[in-house]
Amino acid sequence: MFQFKEPENFWMLLLIPLLISVYIISEYYRKKYLKRFGNENLLNKLMPGYSKYRILFKNILVWAALIFMIAAYARPQTPGKITVAKTGNREIIFALDVSNSMLAQDVKPDRLHRAKQIINELYRKNPYDRTGLIIFAGEAFVQIPLTSNFSDADLIMSSVTPDIIPVQGTNFSEAINLAANMFDKSDTKTAKLIFFLTDGENHEQKAIETAKEAHKNGIIISAAGIGKKNAVPVPDPKTGEYKKDKNGKIVLTKLNEVLLQQIANAGGGKYFSAGNNIFSDINKIQKYLDGIGNKNGQTEILDYAELFEYFIFIALIILLAEFIFLDRRNSKISNLSIFK
């Protein structure tokens, strides 16, 4: 059926009664001021070319053109062809660790950038799945809700830094609970996966229990450990030096594979050691994802054809007519004038 894609834009139609009111008020005061100079019939004889009806008609043309412009802005559409599109039978939420330890450079350029690279590639390799992104440190936040159209991943993740979350730490439990609430609980046919990309440095004790509880509700939890097992210093981007604790000692960080393996086991998923060879890491993870759910489903999509250009064209024609139509009667064709 014919439809307007963005009908909320019709609020601008309120401008029409406002403009009509302005016109009526201006006409009232025009007549009031003219009466000061003499009789209205006498003044009309002194201005034979003037026609108030022409001015009214020109205003009506402007109002009509504005209505068509507003209708165009509301995006009129008509049904087009039906296409068959591939759809996935999976929902994947990537949970990106943005704690300060992810700035460590034991993988190049650093852990956080490597994790972003992996996420970007996995998004490109799984275009038919509904995917989302949360970021977490001491707290967790939804960065991108579950969607099947994720064309701006690179742009959005480029702005993600540890500074984006003021509370530091690595709170797995909050990240799991937040991601779990993003899934459609009424949909029992779709495979649901939370995939962590983190170095595993954790200072809260509920992560494994929370992962078990999520898995009981049909959610799979897997993790990719970013970094190496050897302790390395954490750079401070503000000073260009390494971060130090209260005692002046350099802060060290290392990959906690044991915890990540425990979380993955509790969540019914799999742990991957990542960061050393990005191509190999992505291939391993993708092969694992290929075994979850069905990524080759199909759905029919009704395409709509945009009609806004026709409405704009009509508006321009009306405005052209308003421009050509004179305020005053043409003396050469006055006998043919519609308006007296």
Protein backbone atom coordinates (compact mmCIF):
# COMPACT_ATOMS: atom_id res chain seq x y z
CA MET A 1 0.00 0.00 0.00
CA PHE A 2 0.98 3.61 -0.52
CA GLN A 3 2.63 4.92 2.62
CA PHE A 4 4.65 7.71 4.16
CA LYS A 5 7.88 6.35 5.61
CA GLU A 6 8.32 9.22 8.08
CA PRO A 7 4.78 10.51 8.81
CA GLU A 8 6.01 12.24 11.95
CA ASN A 9 7.33 15.01 9.69
CA PHE A 10 3.76 16.09 9.00
CA TRP A 11 3.93 18.17 12.18
CA MET A 12 5.27 20.91 9.92
CA LEU A 13 1.78 21.25 8.43
CA LEU A 14 1.09 23.39 11.48
CA LEU A 15 2.91 26.10 9.56
CA ILE A 16 -0.02 26.37 7.12
CA PRO A 17 -2.67 27.66 9.57
CA LEU A 18 0.02 29.93 11.01
CA LEU A 19 0.72 31.44 7.58
CA ILE A 20 -3.01 31.78 6.86
CA SER A 21 -3.46 33.59 10.17
CA VAL A 22 -0.60 35.96 9.33
CA TYR A 23 -2.21 36.67 5.94
CA ILE A 24 -5.65 37.38 7.48
CA ILE A 25 -4.17 39.68 10.12
CA SER A 26 -2.07 41.54 7.56
CA GLU A 27 -5.16 42.04 5.33
CA TYR A 28 -7.13 43.34 8.29
CA TYR A 29 -4.51 45.96 9.11
CA ARG A 30 -4.04 46.84 5.43
CA LYS A 31 -7.72 47.68 5.10
CA LYS A 32 -7.64 49.57 8.39
CA TYR A 33 -4.75 51.75 7.23
CA LEU A 34 -6.32 52.34 3.78
CA LYS A 35 -9.50 53.69 5.38
CA ARG A 36 -7.43 56.53 6.81
CA PHE A 37 -6.75 57.80 3.30
CA GLY A 38 -10.32 57.75 2.01
CA ASN A 39 -13.23 55.72 0.72
CA GLU A 40 -12.33 52.16 -0.36
CA ASN A 41 -14.17 52.43 -3.68
CA LEU A 42 -12.36 55.67 -4.48
CA LEU A 43 -8.99 54.13 -3.65
CA ASN A 44 -9.74 51.15 -5.90
CA LYS A 45 -10.34 53.56 -8.80
CA LEU A 46 -7.00 55.23 -8.07
CA MET A 47 -5.29 51.79 -8.19
CA PRO A 48 -6.92 50.08 -11.18
CA GLY A 49 -4.21 47.43 -11.46
CA TYR A 50 -4.47 46.26 -7.86
CA SER A 51 -6.32 43.01 -7.10
CA LYS A 52 -6.61 41.59 -3.61
CA TYR A 53 -7.87 38.32 -5.11
CA ARG A 54 -4.68 37.91 -7.09
CA ILE A 55 -2.62 38.30 -3.93
CA LEU A 56 -4.83 35.75 -2.17
CA PHE A 57 -4.42 33.34 -5.09
CA LYS A 58 -0.62 33.76 -5.04
CA ASN A 59 -0.59 33.02 -1.31
CA ILE A 60 -2.72 29.91 -1.87
CA LEU A 61 -0.17 28.73 -4.44
CA VAL A 62 2.67 29.20 -1.92
CA TRP A 63 0.72 27.31 0.76
CA ALA A 64 0.00 24.47 -1.66
CA ALA A 65 3.67 24.25 -2.67
CA LEU A 66 4.65 24.11 1.00
CA ILE A 67 2.19 21.26 1.61
CA PHE A 68 3.75 19.24 -1.21
CA MET A 69 7.27 19.97 0.12
CA ILE A 70 6.27 18.75 3.58
CA ALA A 71 4.68 15.64 2.05
CA ALA A 72 7.94 14.98 0.18
CA TYR A 73 9.85 15.31 3.46
CA ALA A 74 7.57 12.62 4.94
CA ARG A 75 8.96 10.24 2.26
CA PRO A 76 5.95 8.99 0.26
CA GLN A 77 6.45 5.45 -1.00
CA THR A 78 4.66 2.94 -3.17
CA PRO A 79 5.15 -0.87 -3.07
CA GLY A 80 7.78 -2.15 -5.46
CA LYS A 81 9.17 -5.57 -6.17
CA ILE A 82 9.58 -8.42 -3.70
CA THR A 83 13.15 -9.67 -3.27
CA VAL A 84 14.42 -12.77 -1.51
CA ALA A 85 17.27 -11.95 0.87
CA LYS A 86 19.55 -14.18 2.88
CA THR A 87 19.15 -13.96 6.62
CA GLY A 88 20.99 -15.53 9.48
CA ASN A 89 19.52 -17.60 12.26
CA ARG A 90 21.94 -16.17 14.81
CA GLU A 91 22.22 -13.18 17.10
CA ILE A 92 25.78 -12.30 18.04
CA ILE A 93 26.74 -9.64 20.57
CA PHE A 94 30.40 -8.71 20.66
CA ALA A 95 31.56 -7.58 24.10
CA LEU A 96 34.63 -5.38 23.76
CA ASP A 97 36.85 -4.80 26.79
CA VAL A 98 37.94 -1.15 26.95
CA SER A 99 39.76 -1.20 30.28
CA ASN A 100 43.17 0.48 30.54
CA SER A 101 44.98 -2.85 30.34
CA MET A 102 43.75 -3.19 26.74
CA LEU A 103 46.25 -0.45 25.79
CA ALA A 104 49.12 -2.87 26.41
CA GLN A 105 51.28 -3.33 23.30
CA ASP A 106 52.21 -7.01 23.55
CA VAL A 107 50.20 -7.32 20.31
CA LYS A 108 50.50 -4.59 17.69
CA PRO A 109 49.48 -1.86 17.65
CA ASP A 110 47.84 -2.67 20.99
CA ARG A 111 45.27 -5.08 22.41
CA LEU A 112 42.30 -2.75 21.91
CA HIS A 113 43.07 -2.02 18.25
CA ARG A 114 43.61 -5.71 17.55
CA ALA A 115 40.25 -6.56 19.14
CA LYS A 116 38.56 -3.88 17.00
CA GLN A 117 40.16 -5.33 13.87
CA ILE A 118 38.82 -8.79 14.69
CA ILE A 119 35.31 -7.47 15.33
CA ASN A 120 35.26 -5.50 12.08
CA GLU A 121 36.30 -8.54 10.06
CA LEU A 122 33.75 -10.78 11.76
CA TYR A 123 31.00 -8.28 10.99
CA ARG A 124 31.96 -8.32 7.32
CA LYS A 125 32.01 -12.11 7.24
CA ASN A 126 28.56 -12.45 8.84
CA PRO A 127 26.34 -9.89 7.09
CA TYR A 128 23.15 -11.93 7.43
CA ASP A 129 23.21 -12.21 11.21
CA ARG A 130 21.77 -9.76 13.70
CA THR A 131 24.79 -8.39 15.49
CA GLY A 132 25.39 -5.88 18.25
CA LEU A 133 28.23 -4.39 20.26
CA ILE A 134 28.65 -3.58 23.92
CA ILE A 135 31.71 -2.05 25.54
CA PHE A 136 32.67 -2.72 29.12
CA ALA A 137 35.24 -2.02 31.79
CA GLY A 138 34.04 -1.44 35.38
CA GLU A 139 30.63 -0.79 33.79
CA ALA A 140 29.00 -1.97 30.57
CA PHE A 141 27.16 0.03 27.88
CA VAL A 142 25.36 -0.76 24.63
CA GLN A 143 27.34 0.77 21.79
CA ILE A 144 25.30 -0.70 18.91
CA PRO A 145 21.97 -2.52 19.42
CA LEU A 146 21.22 -5.78 17.66
CA THR A 147 20.77 -5.05 13.97
CA SER A 148 21.19 -6.72 10.59
CA ASN A 149 22.49 -3.50 9.03
CA PHE A 150 25.87 -2.60 10.47
CA SER A 151 27.56 -0.47 7.82
CA ASP A 152 29.13 2.03 10.22
CA ALA A 153 31.09 -0.37 12.42
CA ASP A 154 34.49 1.10 11.56
CA LEU A 155 33.33 4.65 12.25
CA ILE A 156 31.67 3.84 15.56
CA MET A 157 34.52 1.72 16.93
CA SER A 158 37.17 4.26 15.95
CA SER A 159 35.89 6.49 18.74
CA VAL A 160 35.98 3.76 21.40
CA THR A 161 38.79 4.30 23.94
CA PRO A 162 39.22 3.51 27.65
CA ASP A 163 38.25 7.12 28.43
CA ILE A 164 34.71 6.43 27.21
CA ILE A 165 33.95 4.54 30.46
CA PRO A 166 34.97 6.41 33.63
CA VAL A 167 34.80 3.36 35.93
CA GLN A 168 37.78 1.10 35.29
CA GLY A 169 38.03 -2.64 35.91
CA THR A 170 36.69 -5.62 33.96
CA ASN A 171 33.14 -6.39 35.04
CA PHE A 172 32.17 -9.54 33.13
CA SER A 173 28.95 -10.06 35.08
CA GLU A 174 27.49 -6.70 34.14
CA ALA A 175 28.52 -7.19 30.51
CA ILE A 176 26.82 -10.62 30.39
CA ASN A 177 23.62 -9.35 31.99
CA LEU A 178 23.48 -6.34 29.68
CA ALA A 179 24.03 -8.47 26.57
CA ALA A 180 21.47 -11.07 27.73
CA ASN A 181 18.80 -8.38 28.00
CA MET A 182 19.42 -7.35 24.39
CA PHE A 183 18.27 -10.71 23.05
CA ASP A 184 14.67 -11.47 22.17
CA LYS A 185 13.69 -13.88 24.94
CA SER A 186 10.52 -14.98 23.14
CA ASP A 187 12.56 -16.23 20.15
CA THR A 188 13.68 -19.76 20.97
CA LYS A 189 14.72 -20.71 17.43
CA THR A 190 17.54 -18.22 17.00
CA ALA A 191 21.01 -19.09 18.30
CA LYS A 192 22.22 -16.45 20.77
CA LEU A 193 25.92 -15.84 21.33
CA ILE A 194 27.92 -13.41 23.49
CA PHE A 195 31.49 -13.16 22.25
CA PHE A 196 34.03 -11.47 24.52
CA LEU A 197 37.22 -9.85 23.24
CA THR A 198 39.30 -9.13 26.30
CA ASP A 199 42.57 -9.72 28.12
CA GLY A 200 40.67 -11.34 30.99
CA GLU A 201 41.95 -9.15 33.82
CA ASN A 202 39.08 -9.39 36.26
CA HIS A 203 38.55 -8.32 39.85
CA GLU A 204 34.99 -9.50 40.49
CA GLN A 205 33.99 -12.99 41.53
CA LYS A 206 30.56 -13.54 39.92
CA ALA A 207 31.65 -13.91 36.28
CA ILE A 208 31.54 -17.73 36.12
CA GLU A 209 28.22 -17.98 37.99
CA THR A 210 26.67 -15.31 35.74
CA ALA A 211 27.90 -17.17 32.64
CA LYS A 212 26.30 -20.42 33.90
CA GLU A 213 22.99 -18.66 34.53
CA ALA A 214 23.00 -17.09 31.04
CA HIS A 215 23.72 -20.48 29.45
CA LYS A 216 20.74 -21.99 31.28
CA ASN A 217 18.63 -19.43 29.43
CA GLY A 218 19.93 -20.61 26.05
CA ILE A 219 22.80 -18.14 25.60
CA ILE A 220 26.25 -19.29 24.47
CA ILE A 221 29.25 -17.39 25.80
CA SER A 222 32.64 -17.56 24.11
CA ALA A 223 35.77 -15.49 24.43
CA ALA A 224 38.89 -14.46 22.54
CA GLY A 225 41.83 -13.66 24.77
CA ILE A 226 43.76 -10.66 23.39
CA GLY A 227 47.38 -10.45 24.51
CA LYS A 228 50.19 -12.66 25.74
CA LYS A 229 50.80 -14.53 28.97
CA ASN A 230 53.90 -12.55 29.89
CA ALA A 231 53.39 -9.44 32.03
CA VAL A 232 53.82 -6.16 30.13
CA PRO A 233 53.47 -2.48 31.15
CA VAL A 234 50.38 -0.41 30.39
CA PRO A 235 51.00 2.82 28.44
CA ASP A 236 49.40 6.07 29.55
CA PRO A 237 48.30 7.96 26.40
CA LYS A 238 48.04 11.23 28.35
CA THR A 239 51.67 11.29 29.49
CA GLY A 240 53.32 9.05 26.89
CA GLU A 241 54.83 7.01 29.74
CA TYR A 242 53.82 3.79 31.49
CA LYS A 243 51.09 3.85 34.10
CA LYS A 244 52.22 3.64 37.73
CA ASP A 245 50.45 2.64 40.92
CA LYS A 246 50.23 4.66 44.15
CA ASN A 247 53.68 3.43 45.17
CA GLY A 248 55.26 4.59 41.94
CA LYS A 249 55.70 1.13 40.50
CA ILE A 250 54.93 0.45 36.84
CA VAL A 251 51.56 -1.25 36.38
CA LEU A 252 51.87 -4.65 34.66
CA THR A 253 49.20 -6.68 32.90
CA LYS A 254 49.04 -10.16 31.38
CA LEU A 255 46.48 -12.28 29.62
CA ASN A 256 44.32 -14.30 32.05
CA GLU A 257 43.53 -17.35 29.93
CA VAL A 258 42.42 -19.47 32.86
CA LEU A 259 39.52 -17.18 33.74
CA LEU A 260 38.44 -16.81 30.12
CA GLN A 261 38.46 -20.57 29.63
CA GLN A 262 36.34 -20.98 32.76
CA ILE A 263 33.82 -18.37 31.58
CA ALA A 264 33.62 -20.00 28.12
CA ASN A 265 33.15 -23.45 29.65
CA ALA A 266 30.45 -22.16 32.00
CA GLY A 267 28.71 -20.45 29.08
CA GLY A 268 28.77 -23.54 26.86
CA GLY A 269 31.10 -21.84 24.38
CA LYS A 270 34.73 -21.91 23.38
CA TYR A 271 37.90 -19.99 24.23
CA PHE A 272 40.30 -18.69 21.57
CA SER A 273 43.81 -17.39 22.07
CA ALA A 274 43.95 -14.38 19.75
CA GLY A 275 46.23 -11.51 18.88
CA ASN A 276 49.31 -13.24 17.49
CA ASN A 277 48.15 -13.77 13.89
CA ILE A 278 45.01 -11.83 13.01
CA PHE A 279 44.21 -13.80 9.83
CA SER A 280 44.58 -17.14 11.57
CA ASP A 281 42.61 -15.91 14.58
CA ILE A 282 39.71 -14.67 12.45
CA ASN A 283 39.58 -17.91 10.45
CA LYS A 284 39.43 -19.98 13.63
CA ILE A 285 36.68 -17.87 15.12
CA GLN A 286 34.70 -17.79 11.87
CA LYS A 287 34.90 -21.56 11.52
CA TYR A 288 33.48 -21.81 15.03
CA LEU A 289 30.67 -19.35 14.23
CA ASP A 290 29.79 -21.31 11.10
CA GLY A 291 28.93 -24.26 13.30
CA ILE A 292 26.41 -22.28 15.37
CA GLY A 293 22.85 -21.92 14.12
CA ASN A 294 21.95 -21.52 10.46
CA LYS A 295 23.39 -18.58 8.57
CA ASN A 296 21.76 -19.44 5.23
CA GLY A 297 18.11 -18.67 5.89
CA GLN A 298 15.92 -16.69 3.50
CA THR A 299 13.22 -14.10 3.87
CA GLU A 300 11.03 -12.12 1.48
CA ILE A 301 11.52 -8.35 1.57
CA LEU A 302 9.04 -5.92 0.01
CA ASP A 303 10.92 -3.01 -1.52
CA TYR A 304 9.28 0.39 -1.65
CA ALA A 305 9.89 2.96 -4.39
CA GLU A 306 10.48 6.53 -3.22
CA LEU A 307 8.08 9.14 -4.63
CA PHE A 308 9.39 12.28 -2.93
CA GLU A 309 10.89 13.65 -6.17
CA TYR A 310 7.41 13.80 -7.76
CA PHE A 311 6.07 15.81 -4.84
CA ILE A 312 9.03 18.18 -5.07
CA PHE A 313 8.48 18.55 -8.82
CA ILE A 314 4.80 19.48 -8.27
CA ALA A 315 5.85 21.98 -5.60
CA LEU A 316 8.35 23.58 -7.98
CA ILE A 317 5.72 23.84 -10.74
CA ILE A 318 3.34 25.54 -8.31
CA LEU A 319 6.07 27.97 -7.20
CA LEU A 320 6.87 28.73 -10.84
CA ALA A 321 3.20 29.52 -11.46
CA GLU A 322 3.18 31.79 -8.41
CA PHE A 323 6.25 33.60 -9.74
CA ILE A 324 4.73 34.10 -13.21
CA PHE A 325 1.33 35.15 -11.90
CA LEU A 326 1.46 38.95 -11.40
CA ASP A 327 0.21 40.85 -8.37
CA ARG A 328 -1.52 43.36 -10.62
CA ARG A 329 -3.77 43.04 -13.64
CA ASN A 330 -2.10 43.39 -17.01
CA SER A 331 -3.73 46.33 -18.79
CA LYS A 332 -3.36 44.64 -22.21
CA ILE A 333 -5.36 41.59 -21.20
CA SER A 334 -7.47 43.10 -18.43
CA ASN A 335 -10.65 42.05 -20.21
CA LEU A 336 -9.57 38.39 -19.90
CA SER A 337 -8.70 38.54 -16.22
CA ILE A 338 -10.36 36.01 -13.98
CA PHE A 339 -9.87 38.17 -10.92
CA LYS A 340 -11.51 41.61 -10.74
